[in-house]
């Protein structure tokens, strides 16, 4: 399948006939006003509220309300892995663990609002993606290197950030179950990304990867090949690149490589999504 067209790259219904991508680099689940109320500033002034508005703009291109609902009923809506940037804003803002954890219900509520909106627009199949192990991400590992943070003996990942990711995912799963009870005729699926990533970090060779699962393929230098100052961030002049990305979990310290994504996608399709699919009669109702 071709990659969905970025929202800002299309204008007509024909432009988006093979899908549309509303992702925006650095965007958060929560709006800028949420962070300002806590003395913080988000990376970009774009949140899920903006992306929901863009979704509605594209649906309206279908024409009449009847045509719009006919279109949305055929869609596979992928609710992205939202929340990482929200937590990163809080982490770089030097909030305590307790303060950061108070963000969880707000972020999950923002995700729930989007899912509710797309279901209200007529969507029948929605996948909500869980969060990866934050403490295994090279960006986070480089940020906390030398600070005395606690690490897992088995993986070398940051314990506090993986605990935060698990807390987020548990709240997200409860939200998905609540929505499934409220919308019996809609397939609302939770895609677990935490366990597949944790598995390849723990045993990379088992999945055909190399022996540096916590280092970025493309980036700077040091233990995690990631520059916390972004001076040699992937794509910047002087950035180093590994010879074989297929042996790495992380491409640039933030996003995974094709090899890692392939494993995660396969794990989701084999287990989580298939196990949670409602009965055929329910789907047809």
C-alpha atoms as a PDB file:
ATOM      1  CA  UNK A   1       0.000   0.000   0.000  1.00  0.00           C
ATOM      2  CA  UNK A   2       1.238   3.518  -0.745  1.00  0.00           C
ATOM      3  CA  UNK A   3       1.911   5.888   2.135  1.00  0.00           C
ATOM      4  CA  UNK A   4      -1.100   8.120   2.928  1.00  0.00           C
ATOM      5  CA  UNK A   5      -0.792  11.637   1.563  1.00  0.00           C
ATOM      6  CA  UNK A   6       0.170  14.326   4.117  1.00  0.00           C
ATOM      7  CA  UNK A   7      -2.797  16.572   4.920  1.00  0.00           C
ATOM      8  CA  UNK A   8      -1.125  19.753   3.681  1.00  0.00           C
ATOM      9  CA  UNK A   9      -0.146  18.097   0.382  1.00  0.00           C
ATOM     10  CA  UNK A  10      -3.734  17.691  -0.857  1.00  0.00           C
ATOM     11  CA  UNK A  11      -6.785  19.838  -1.511  1.00  0.00           C
ATOM     12  CA  UNK A  12      -9.443  17.652  -3.152  1.00  0.00           C
ATOM     13  CA  UNK A  13     -11.173  14.371  -2.345  1.00  0.00           C
ATOM     14  CA  UNK A  14      -9.223  12.754  -5.203  1.00  0.00           C
ATOM     15  CA  UNK A  15      -5.942  13.753  -3.539  1.00  0.00           C
ATOM     16  CA  UNK A  16      -6.821  11.684  -0.472  1.00  0.00           C
ATOM     17  CA  UNK A  17      -8.437   8.662  -2.106  1.00  0.00           C
ATOM     18  CA  UNK A  18      -5.583   6.425  -0.871  1.00  0.00           C
ATOM     19  CA  UNK A  19      -5.594   7.835   2.642  1.00  0.00           C
ATOM     20  CA  UNK A  20      -4.449  10.891   4.527  1.00  0.00           C
ATOM     21  CA  UNK A  21      -1.806  11.428   7.199  1.00  0.00           C
ATOM     22  CA  UNK A  22      -2.496  14.130   9.808  1.00  0.00           C
ATOM     23  CA  UNK A  23       0.787  13.679  11.679  1.00  0.00           C
ATOM     24  CA  UNK A  24       2.712  16.836  12.562  1.00  0.00           C
ATOM     25  CA  UNK A  25       6.275  16.688  13.890  1.00  0.00           C
ATOM     26  CA  UNK A  26       6.493  17.565  17.577  1.00  0.00           C
ATOM     27  CA  UNK A  27       2.726  17.759  18.057  1.00  0.00           C
ATOM     28  CA  UNK A  28       1.122  16.924  21.383  1.00  0.00           C
ATOM     29  CA  UNK A  29      -2.133  15.374  22.511  1.00  0.00           C
ATOM     30  CA  UNK A  30      -2.850  18.398  24.702  1.00  0.00           C
ATOM     31  CA  UNK A  31      -3.166  21.983  23.512  1.00  0.00           C
ATOM     32  CA  UNK A  32      -0.615  24.772  24.201  1.00  0.00           C
ATOM     33  CA  UNK A  33      -2.899  26.304  26.822  1.00  0.00           C
ATOM     34  CA  UNK A  34      -2.582  23.173  28.986  1.00  0.00           C
ATOM     35  CA  UNK A  35       1.191  23.527  29.127  1.00  0.00           C
ATOM     36  CA  UNK A  36       1.106  27.285  29.644  1.00  0.00           C
ATOM     37  CA  UNK A  37      -1.135  26.781  32.681  1.00  0.00           C
ATOM     38  CA  UNK A  38       1.702  24.723  34.174  1.00  0.00           C
ATOM     39  CA  UNK A  39       4.496  27.081  33.242  1.00  0.00           C
ATOM     40  CA  UNK A  40       5.581  25.009  30.241  1.00  0.00           C
ATOM     41  CA  UNK A  41       5.735  25.573  26.508  1.00  0.00           C
ATOM     42  CA  UNK A  42       4.958  22.916  23.882  1.00  0.00           C
ATOM     43  CA  UNK A  43       7.364  22.312  20.999  1.00  0.00           C
ATOM     44  CA  UNK A  44       4.869  23.299  18.305  1.00  0.00           C
ATOM     45  CA  UNK A  45       1.420  24.944  18.597  1.00  0.00           C
ATOM     46  CA  UNK A  46      -0.274  21.866  17.121  1.00  0.00           C
ATOM     47  CA  UNK A  47      -2.254  19.281  19.080  1.00  0.00           C
ATOM     48  CA  UNK A  48      -4.912  16.632  18.564  1.00  0.00           C
ATOM     49  CA  UNK A  49      -7.527  19.388  18.450  1.00  0.00           C
ATOM     50  CA  UNK A  50      -5.945  20.689  15.248  1.00  0.00           C
ATOM     51  CA  UNK A  51      -5.656  17.226  13.730  1.00  0.00           C
ATOM     52  CA  UNK A  52      -9.308  16.480  14.506  1.00  0.00           C
ATOM     53  CA  UNK A  53     -10.312  19.666  12.682  1.00  0.00           C
ATOM     54  CA  UNK A  54      -8.206  18.601   9.695  1.00  0.00           C
ATOM     55  CA  UNK A  55      -9.893  15.182   9.714  1.00  0.00           C
ATOM     56  CA  UNK A  56     -13.301  16.847   9.564  1.00  0.00           C
ATOM     57  CA  UNK A  57     -12.131  19.082   6.698  1.00  0.00           C
ATOM     58  CA  UNK A  58     -11.139  16.050   4.628  1.00  0.00           C
ATOM     59  CA  UNK A  59     -14.388  14.195   5.360  1.00  0.00           C
ATOM     60  CA  UNK A  60     -16.390  17.216   4.179  1.00  0.00           C
ATOM     61  CA  UNK A  61     -14.701  16.924   0.774  1.00  0.00           C
ATOM     62  CA  UNK A  62     -16.805  13.787   0.189  1.00  0.00           C
ATOM     63  CA  UNK A  63     -19.901  15.947  -0.359  1.00  0.00           C
ATOM     64  CA  UNK A  64     -23.279  15.452   1.281  1.00  0.00           C
ATOM     65  CA  UNK A  65     -23.632  14.123   4.820  1.00  0.00           C
ATOM     66  CA  UNK A  66     -24.770  10.803   3.381  1.00  0.00           C
ATOM     67  CA  UNK A  67     -21.651  10.579   1.208  1.00  0.00           C
ATOM     68  CA  UNK A  68     -19.477  11.566   4.156  1.00  0.00           C
ATOM     69  CA  UNK A  69     -20.817   8.751   6.341  1.00  0.00           C
ATOM     70  CA  UNK A  70     -20.538   6.317   3.446  1.00  0.00           C
ATOM     71  CA  UNK A  71     -16.858   7.252   3.192  1.00  0.00           C
ATOM     72  CA  UNK A  72     -16.041   7.147   6.909  1.00  0.00           C
ATOM     73  CA  UNK A  73     -17.693   3.732   7.278  1.00  0.00           C
ATOM     74  CA  UNK A  74     -15.030   2.284   4.948  1.00  0.00           C
ATOM     75  CA  UNK A  75     -12.045   3.865   6.699  1.00  0.00           C
ATOM     76  CA  UNK A  76      -9.405   2.250   8.852  1.00  0.00           C
ATOM     77  CA  UNK A  77      -8.613   5.036  11.329  1.00  0.00           C
ATOM     78  CA  UNK A  78      -5.202   4.739  12.978  1.00  0.00           C
ATOM     79  CA  UNK A  79      -5.010   6.746  16.195  1.00  0.00           C
ATOM     80  CA  UNK A  80      -1.293   7.484  16.418  1.00  0.00           C
ATOM     81  CA  UNK A  81       0.999   6.904  19.342  1.00  0.00           C
ATOM     82  CA  UNK A  82       0.188  10.196  21.047  1.00  0.00           C
ATOM     83  CA  UNK A  83       1.548  11.426  24.361  1.00  0.00           C
ATOM     84  CA  UNK A  84       5.318  11.047  24.032  1.00  0.00           C
ATOM     85  CA  UNK A  85       5.824  14.721  23.187  1.00  0.00           C
ATOM     86  CA  UNK A  86       3.509  15.739  26.044  1.00  0.00           C
ATOM     87  CA  UNK A  87       5.611  13.784  28.523  1.00  0.00           C
ATOM     88  CA  UNK A  88       8.829  15.079  26.958  1.00  0.00           C
ATOM     89  CA  UNK A  89       7.655  18.669  27.471  1.00  0.00           C
ATOM     90  CA  UNK A  90       7.071  17.843  31.134  1.00  0.00           C
ATOM     91  CA  UNK A  91      10.393  16.014  31.494  1.00  0.00           C
ATOM     92  CA  UNK A  92      12.466  18.784  29.927  1.00  0.00           C
ATOM     93  CA  UNK A  93      10.484  21.250  32.038  1.00  0.00           C
ATOM     94  CA  UNK A  94      11.963  19.523  35.119  1.00  0.00           C
ATOM     95  CA  UNK A  95       8.632  18.417  36.580  1.00  0.00           C
ATOM     96  CA  UNK A  96       8.715  15.705  39.224  1.00  0.00           C
ATOM     97  CA  UNK A  97       7.586  12.158  38.491  1.00  0.00           C
ATOM     98  CA  UNK A  98       4.435  12.771  40.485  1.00  0.00           C
ATOM     99  CA  UNK A  99       3.613  15.896  38.478  1.00  0.00           C
ATOM    100  CA  UNK A 100       4.288  14.138  35.166  1.00  0.00           C
ATOM    101  CA  UNK A 101       1.973  11.273  36.101  1.00  0.00           C
ATOM    102  CA  UNK A 102      -0.891  13.749  36.514  1.00  0.00           C
ATOM    103  CA  UNK A 103      -0.669  14.318  32.742  1.00  0.00           C
ATOM    104  CA  UNK A 104      -1.824  10.741  32.010  1.00  0.00           C
ATOM    105  CA  UNK A 105      -5.616  11.171  32.465  1.00  0.00           C
ATOM    106  CA  UNK A 106      -5.544  14.447  30.510  1.00  0.00           C
ATOM    107  CA  UNK A 107      -3.689  12.868  27.573  1.00  0.00           C
ATOM    108  CA  UNK A 108      -5.903   9.782  27.523  1.00  0.00           C
ATOM    109  CA  UNK A 109      -9.016  11.984  27.662  1.00  0.00           C
ATOM    110  CA  UNK A 110      -7.736  13.964  24.647  1.00  0.00           C
ATOM    111  CA  UNK A 111      -7.231  10.704  22.726  1.00  0.00           C
ATOM    112  CA  UNK A 112     -10.690   9.519  23.751  1.00  0.00           C
ATOM    113  CA  UNK A 113     -12.224  12.751  22.454  1.00  0.00           C
ATOM    114  CA  UNK A 114     -10.662  12.201  19.030  1.00  0.00           C
ATOM    115  CA  UNK A 115     -11.769   8.574  18.834  1.00  0.00           C
ATOM    116  CA  UNK A 116     -15.284   9.601  19.876  1.00  0.00           C
ATOM    117  CA  UNK A 117     -15.322  12.276  17.167  1.00  0.00           C
ATOM    118  CA  UNK A 118     -14.293   9.899  14.371  1.00  0.00           C
ATOM    119  CA  UNK A 119     -16.836   7.322  15.515  1.00  0.00           C
ATOM    120  CA  UNK A 120     -19.461  10.067  15.556  1.00  0.00           C
ATOM    121  CA  UNK A 121     -18.478  10.838  11.970  1.00  0.00           C
ATOM    122  CA  UNK A 122     -19.310   7.245  11.044  1.00  0.00           C
ATOM    123  CA  UNK A 123     -15.998   5.372  11.383  1.00  0.00           C
ATOM    124  CA  UNK A 124     -16.459   1.635  12.016  1.00  0.00           C
ATOM    125  CA  UNK A 125     -12.851   0.530  12.554  1.00  0.00           C
ATOM    126  CA  UNK A 126     -10.456   2.427  14.818  1.00  0.00           C
ATOM    127  CA  UNK A 127      -7.038   1.276  16.020  1.00  0.00           C
ATOM    128  CA  UNK A 128      -5.577   2.990  19.095  1.00  0.00           C
ATOM    129  CA  UNK A 129      -1.820   2.530  19.332  1.00  0.00           C
ATOM    130  CA  UNK A 130      -0.182   2.141  22.719  1.00  0.00           C
ATOM    131  CA  UNK A 131       3.110   3.711  23.739  1.00  0.00           C
ATOM    132  CA  UNK A 132       6.521   2.125  23.235  1.00  0.00           C
ATOM    133  CA  UNK A 133       8.948   1.661  26.179  1.00  0.00           C
ATOM    134  CA  UNK A 134      10.005   5.303  26.599  1.00  0.00           C
ATOM    135  CA  UNK A 135      12.980   4.323  28.712  1.00  0.00           C
ATOM    136  CA  UNK A 136      14.498   2.368  25.807  1.00  0.00           C
ATOM    137  CA  UNK A 137      14.442   5.302  23.394  1.00  0.00           C
ATOM    138  CA  UNK A 138      17.966   6.643  22.607  1.00  0.00           C
ATOM    139  CA  UNK A 139      16.727  10.234  22.871  1.00  0.00           C
ATOM    140  CA  UNK A 140      15.590   9.677  26.462  1.00  0.00           C
ATOM    141  CA  UNK A 141      18.634   7.600  27.386  1.00  0.00           C
ATOM    142  CA  UNK A 142      20.989  10.325  26.143  1.00  0.00           C
ATOM    143  CA  UNK A 143      18.973  12.974  27.987  1.00  0.00           C
ATOM    144  CA  UNK A 144      19.388  11.206  31.330  1.00  0.00           C
ATOM    145  CA  UNK A 145      22.910   9.867  30.838  1.00  0.00           C
ATOM    146  CA  UNK A 146      25.120  10.690  33.815  1.00  0.00           C
ATOM    147  CA  UNK A 147      22.245  11.852  36.020  1.00  0.00           C
ATOM    148  CA  UNK A 148      22.206   8.850  38.325  1.00  0.00           C
ATOM    149  CA  UNK A 149      18.903   7.578  36.924  1.00  0.00           C
ATOM    150  CA  UNK A 150      17.870   3.971  37.591  1.00  0.00           C
ATOM    151  CA  UNK A 151      18.229   1.447  34.763  1.00  0.00           C
ATOM    152  CA  UNK A 152      16.888  -2.037  34.159  1.00  0.00           C
ATOM    153  CA  UNK A 153      19.633  -4.627  34.613  1.00  0.00           C
ATOM    154  CA  UNK A 154      18.149  -6.784  31.867  1.00  0.00           C
ATOM    155  CA  UNK A 155      17.816  -4.148  29.139  1.00  0.00           C
ATOM    156  CA  UNK A 156      19.671  -1.005  30.208  1.00  0.00           C
ATOM    157  CA  UNK A 157      16.466   1.023  29.754  1.00  0.00           C
ATOM    158  CA  UNK A 158      15.357   3.794  32.112  1.00  0.00           C
ATOM    159  CA  UNK A 159      13.064   2.336  34.759  1.00  0.00           C
ATOM    160  CA  UNK A 160      11.084   5.502  35.587  1.00  0.00           C
ATOM    161  CA  UNK A 161      10.185   6.208  31.956  1.00  0.00           C
ATOM    162  CA  UNK A 162       9.137   2.628  31.233  1.00  0.00           C
ATOM    163  CA  UNK A 163       6.956   2.764  34.341  1.00  0.00           C
ATOM    164  CA  UNK A 164       5.369   5.942  32.961  1.00  0.00           C
ATOM    165  CA  UNK A 165       4.730   4.295  29.586  1.00  0.00           C
ATOM    166  CA  UNK A 166       3.072   1.310  31.277  1.00  0.00           C
ATOM    167  CA  UNK A 167       0.897   3.621  33.371  1.00  0.00           C
ATOM    168  CA  UNK A 168      -0.159   5.445  30.196  1.00  0.00           C
ATOM    169  CA  UNK A 169      -0.918   2.183  28.378  1.00  0.00           C
ATOM    170  CA  UNK A 170      -3.032   0.801  31.206  1.00  0.00           C
ATOM    171  CA  UNK A 171      -5.145   3.965  31.194  1.00  0.00           C
ATOM    172  CA  UNK A 172      -5.381   3.785  27.408  1.00  0.00           C
ATOM    173  CA  UNK A 173      -6.560   0.174  27.486  1.00  0.00           C
ATOM    174  CA  UNK A 174      -9.251   1.003  30.053  1.00  0.00           C
ATOM    175  CA  UNK A 175     -10.405   3.839  27.796  1.00  0.00           C
ATOM    176  CA  UNK A 176     -10.591   1.503  24.786  1.00  0.00           C
ATOM    177  CA  UNK A 177     -12.673  -1.020  26.742  1.00  0.00           C
ATOM    178  CA  UNK A 178     -15.054   1.729  27.865  1.00  0.00           C
ATOM    179  CA  UNK A 179     -15.489   2.923  24.280  1.00  0.00           C
ATOM    180  CA  UNK A 180     -16.096  -0.609  23.011  1.00  0.00           C
ATOM    181  CA  UNK A 181     -18.921  -1.011  25.519  1.00  0.00           C
ATOM    182  CA  UNK A 182     -20.393   2.337  24.455  1.00  0.00           C
ATOM    183  CA  UNK A 183     -20.108   1.644  20.695  1.00  0.00           C
ATOM    184  CA  UNK A 184     -21.023  -1.994  20.161  1.00  0.00           C
ATOM    185  CA  UNK A 185     -21.230  -1.693  16.380  1.00  0.00           C
ATOM    186  CA  UNK A 186     -17.694  -0.353  16.023  1.00  0.00           C
ATOM    187  CA  UNK A 187     -14.399  -2.259  16.083  1.00  0.00           C
ATOM    188  CA  UNK A 188     -12.178  -0.299  18.473  1.00  0.00           C
ATOM    189  CA  UNK A 189      -8.848  -2.075  18.779  1.00  0.00           C
ATOM    190  CA  UNK A 190      -5.860  -1.534  21.060  1.00  0.00           C
ATOM    191  CA  UNK A 191      -2.476  -2.082  19.397  1.00  0.00           C
ATOM    192  CA  UNK A 192       0.187  -3.047  21.937  1.00  0.00           C
ATOM    193  CA  UNK A 193       3.535  -1.603  20.872  1.00  0.00           C
ATOM    194  CA  UNK A 194       5.225  -1.840  24.261  1.00  0.00           C
ATOM    195  CA  UNK A 195       5.773  -5.602  24.463  1.00  0.00           C
ATOM    196  CA  UNK A 196       7.060  -6.080  20.869  1.00  0.00           C
ATOM    197  CA  UNK A 197       9.644  -3.299  21.290  1.00  0.00           C
ATOM    198  CA  UNK A 198      10.643  -4.539  24.756  1.00  0.00           C
ATOM    199  CA  UNK A 199      11.142  -8.015  23.280  1.00  0.00           C
ATOM    200  CA  UNK A 200      13.540  -6.909  20.551  1.00  0.00           C
ATOM    201  CA  UNK A 201      15.494  -4.700  22.964  1.00  0.00           C
ATOM    202  CA  UNK A 202      15.871  -7.615  25.368  1.00  0.00           C
ATOM    203  CA  UNK A 203      16.851 -10.171  22.688  1.00  0.00           C
ATOM    204  CA  UNK A 204      17.783  -8.328  19.476  1.00  0.00           C
ATOM    205  CA  UNK A 205      19.610 -11.232  17.851  1.00  0.00           C
ATOM    206  CA  UNK A 206      16.512 -13.396  18.187  1.00  0.00           C
ATOM    207  CA  UNK A 207      14.800 -10.993  15.774  1.00  0.00           C
ATOM    208  CA  UNK A 208      17.708 -10.626  13.371  1.00  0.00           C
ATOM    209  CA  UNK A 209      18.984  -7.339  14.837  1.00  0.00           C
ATOM    210  CA  UNK A 210      22.445  -6.342  16.025  1.00  0.00           C
ATOM    211  CA  UNK A 211      23.928  -5.992  19.495  1.00  0.00           C
ATOM    212  CA  UNK A 212      23.208  -2.236  19.952  1.00  0.00           C
ATOM    213  CA  UNK A 213      19.429  -2.090  20.467  1.00  0.00           C
ATOM    214  CA  UNK A 214      19.646   1.143  22.496  1.00  0.00           C
ATOM    215  CA  UNK A 215      21.753   3.122  20.012  1.00  0.00           C
ATOM    216  CA  UNK A 216      20.434   5.137  17.072  1.00  0.00           C
ATOM    217  CA  UNK A 217      21.572   4.233  13.569  1.00  0.00           C
ATOM    218  CA  UNK A 218      21.737   7.852  12.426  1.00  0.00           C
ATOM    219  CA  UNK A 219      22.771  10.687  14.722  1.00  0.00           C
ATOM    220  CA  UNK A 220      25.619  11.992  16.794  1.00  0.00           C
ATOM    221  CA  UNK A 221      28.012  10.050  18.981  1.00  0.00           C
ATOM    222  CA  UNK A 222      28.422   8.602  22.441  1.00  0.00           C
ATOM    223  CA  UNK A 223      26.781   5.610  24.072  1.00  0.00           C
ATOM    224  CA  UNK A 224      23.458   6.037  22.280  1.00  0.00           C
ATOM    225  CA  UNK A 225      24.645   7.806  19.099  1.00  0.00           C
ATOM    226  CA  UNK A 226      22.315  10.679  19.916  1.00  0.00           C
ATOM    227  CA  UNK A 227      23.145  14.325  20.558  1.00  0.00           C
ATOM    228  CA  UNK A 228      20.854  15.768  23.233  1.00  0.00           C
ATOM    229  CA  UNK A 229      21.584  19.254  21.864  1.00  0.00           C
ATOM    230  CA  UNK A 230      20.504  18.131  18.379  1.00  0.00           C
ATOM    231  CA  UNK A 231      23.709  19.642  16.951  1.00  0.00           C
ATOM    232  CA  UNK A 232      24.398  16.450  14.998  1.00  0.00           C
ATOM    233  CA  UNK A 233      20.840  15.199  14.752  1.00  0.00           C
ATOM    234  CA  UNK A 234      20.127  12.801  11.901  1.00  0.00           C
ATOM    235  CA  UNK A 235      20.029  14.748   8.621  1.00  0.00           C
ATOM    236  CA  UNK A 236      22.257  17.554   9.894  1.00  0.00           C
ATOM    237  CA  UNK A 237      25.706  17.991   8.340  1.00  0.00           C
ATOM    238  CA  UNK A 238      28.190  15.868  10.251  1.00  0.00           C
ATOM    239  CA  UNK A 239      25.665  13.309  11.442  1.00  0.00           C
ATOM    240  CA  UNK A 240      26.905   9.736  11.325  1.00  0.00           C
ATOM    241  CA  UNK A 241      24.899   6.883   9.826  1.00  0.00           C
ATOM    242  CA  UNK A 242      25.294   3.160  10.459  1.00  0.00           C
ATOM    243  CA  UNK A 243      26.130   0.898   7.534  1.00  0.00           C
ATOM    244  CA  UNK A 244      23.155  -1.434   8.029  1.00  0.00           C
ATOM    245  CA  UNK A 245      19.948   0.132   9.464  1.00  0.00           C
ATOM    246  CA  UNK A 246      18.194  -3.256   9.395  1.00  0.00           C
ATOM    247  CA  UNK A 247      20.334  -4.271  12.380  1.00  0.00           C
ATOM    248  CA  UNK A 248      19.118  -1.374  14.522  1.00  0.00           C
ATOM    249  CA  UNK A 249      15.926  -0.786  16.517  1.00  0.00           C
ATOM    250  CA  UNK A 250      16.088   3.015  16.343  1.00  0.00           C
ATOM    251  CA  UNK A 251      16.722   5.019  13.193  1.00  0.00           C
ATOM    252  CA  UNK A 252      17.357   8.513  14.581  1.00  0.00           C
ATOM    253  CA  UNK A 253      16.947   8.072  18.322  1.00  0.00           C
ATOM    254  CA  UNK A 254      13.244   8.929  18.179  1.00  0.00           C
ATOM    255  CA  UNK A 255      11.732   6.894  15.337  1.00  0.00           C
ATOM    256  CA  UNK A 256      12.220   3.181  14.746  1.00  0.00           C
ATOM    257  CA  UNK A 257      13.857   1.612  11.709  1.00  0.00           C
ATOM    258  CA  UNK A 258      11.890  -0.245   9.049  1.00  0.00           C
ATOM    259  CA  UNK A 259      13.153  -3.520  10.539  1.00  0.00           C
ATOM    260  CA  UNK A 260      11.803  -2.680  14.008  1.00  0.00           C
ATOM    261  CA  UNK A 261       8.533  -1.332  12.641  1.00  0.00           C
ATOM    262  CA  UNK A 262       8.074  -4.509  10.611  1.00  0.00           C
ATOM    263  CA  UNK A 263       8.412  -6.607  13.758  1.00  0.00           C
ATOM    264  CA  UNK A 264       6.011  -4.420  15.746  1.00  0.00           C
ATOM    265  CA  UNK A 265       3.421  -4.383  12.950  1.00  0.00           C
ATOM    266  CA  UNK A 266       3.620  -8.153  12.614  1.00  0.00           C
ATOM    267  CA  UNK A 267       3.257  -8.659  16.357  1.00  0.00           C
ATOM    268  CA  UNK A 268       0.203  -6.382  16.447  1.00  0.00           C
ATOM    269  CA  UNK A 269      -1.468  -8.171  13.540  1.00  0.00           C
ATOM    270  CA  UNK A 270      -0.735 -11.636  14.927  1.00  0.00           C
ATOM    271  CA  UNK A 271      -1.942 -11.019  18.437  1.00  0.00           C
ATOM    272  CA  UNK A 272      -3.507  -7.864  19.768  1.00  0.00           C
ATOM    273  CA  UNK A 273      -5.766  -6.824  16.906  1.00  0.00           C
ATOM    274  CA  UNK A 274      -6.910 -10.315  15.996  1.00  0.00           C
ATOM    275  CA  UNK A 275      -7.641 -11.247  19.601  1.00  0.00           C
ATOM    276  CA  UNK A 276      -9.777  -8.161  20.174  1.00  0.00           C
ATOM    277  CA  UNK A 277     -11.795  -8.129  16.959  1.00  0.00           C
ATOM    278  CA  UNK A 278     -15.511  -8.237  17.881  1.00  0.00           C
ATOM    279  CA  UNK A 279     -17.697 -11.079  16.538  1.00  0.00           C
ATOM    280  CA  UNK A 280     -18.833 -10.820  12.907  1.00  0.00           C
ATOM    281  CA  UNK A 281     -22.438 -10.174  13.942  1.00  0.00           C
ATOM    282  CA  UNK A 282     -21.294  -7.253  16.050  1.00  0.00           C
ATOM    283  CA  UNK A 283     -19.319  -5.802  13.144  1.00  0.00           C
ATOM    284  CA  UNK A 284     -22.330  -6.071  10.879  1.00  0.00           C
ATOM    285  CA  UNK A 285     -24.804  -4.508  13.290  1.00  0.00           C
END
